[in-house]
Each structure stands twice: as structure tokens, then as C-alpha cells.
Amino acid sequence: MFYLWGHSYEFDNNDNWEVIENFAKFIGVILRFITMLWHITACKKRRG
């Protein structure tokens, strides 16, 4: 995170903010999937 903050000027200079936007979207999808799996696992454990 600090790398992005410290080098954010490079995204402005190179006009390529879509790189970090696409990366953030990708990470969001992965985290939603992991959360969904966690909830499914928790529900199965509660059922016994």
C-alpha cells in the first residue's frame, strides 16, 4: 500500500490509472470469493 502511495505520481505522469483500477477490481473479486467460501464453511460446521 505504501508503494502505491509513494509512487502514485507515476500513474499521473504515465496516465495509466487503469492499471491500478483493474488491480483493485481483481483483488475485490478475490476477496468476495474468499469471504463467500468462509461463510459456506462456517455454515457447514454449524450444521454438524
Protein backbone atom coordinates (compact mmCIF):
# COMPACT_ATOMS: atom_id res chain seq x y z
CA MET A 1 0.00 0.00 0.00
CA PHE A 2 2.80 2.42 0.83
CA TYR A 3 4.41 1.64 -2.51
CA LEU A 4 1.28 2.82 -4.32
CA TRP A 5 1.01 5.90 -2.15
CA GLY A 6 4.67 6.76 -2.65
CA HIS A 7 4.61 6.17 -6.40
CA SER A 8 1.14 7.43 -7.26
CA TYR A 9 2.69 10.36 -9.12
CA GLU A 10 3.92 7.84 -11.70
CA PHE A 11 0.33 6.89 -12.54
CA ASP A 12 -0.40 10.57 -13.18
CA ASN A 13 2.78 11.06 -15.21
CA ASN A 14 2.15 7.97 -17.35
CA ASP A 15 -1.63 8.43 -17.45
CA ASN A 16 -2.22 4.75 -16.64
CA TRP A 17 -4.52 4.77 -13.63
CA GLU A 18 -6.47 1.93 -15.27
CA VAL A 19 -3.67 -0.43 -14.22
CA ILE A 20 -4.28 0.14 -10.52
CA GLU A 21 -8.06 0.32 -11.02
CA ASN A 22 -8.07 -3.09 -12.71
CA PHE A 23 -5.85 -4.50 -9.98
CA ALA A 24 -8.21 -3.19 -7.28
CA LYS A 25 -11.20 -4.73 -9.07
CA PHE A 26 -9.38 -8.06 -9.31
CA ILE A 27 -8.49 -8.05 -5.61
CA GLY A 28 -12.11 -7.18 -4.79
CA VAL A 29 -13.36 -10.22 -6.71
CA ILE A 30 -10.84 -12.49 -4.96
CA LEU A 31 -11.79 -11.16 -1.52
CA ARG A 32 -15.52 -11.62 -2.20
CA PHE A 33 -14.85 -15.21 -3.25
CA ILE A 34 -12.79 -15.91 -0.14
CA THR A 35 -15.49 -14.38 2.07
CA MET A 36 -18.15 -16.49 0.39
CA LEU A 37 -16.10 -19.66 0.97
CA TRP A 38 -15.55 -18.69 4.59
CA HIS A 39 -19.29 -18.27 5.14
CA ILE A 40 -20.11 -21.57 3.44
CA THR A 41 -17.53 -23.36 5.58
CA ALA A 42 -18.88 -21.75 8.75
CA CYS A 43 -22.45 -22.79 7.89
CA LYS A 44 -21.40 -26.38 7.25
CA LYS A 45 -19.58 -26.52 10.58
CA ARG A 46 -22.65 -25.23 12.43
CA ARG A 47 -24.84 -27.94 10.92
CA GLY A 48 -22.56 -30.59 12.30
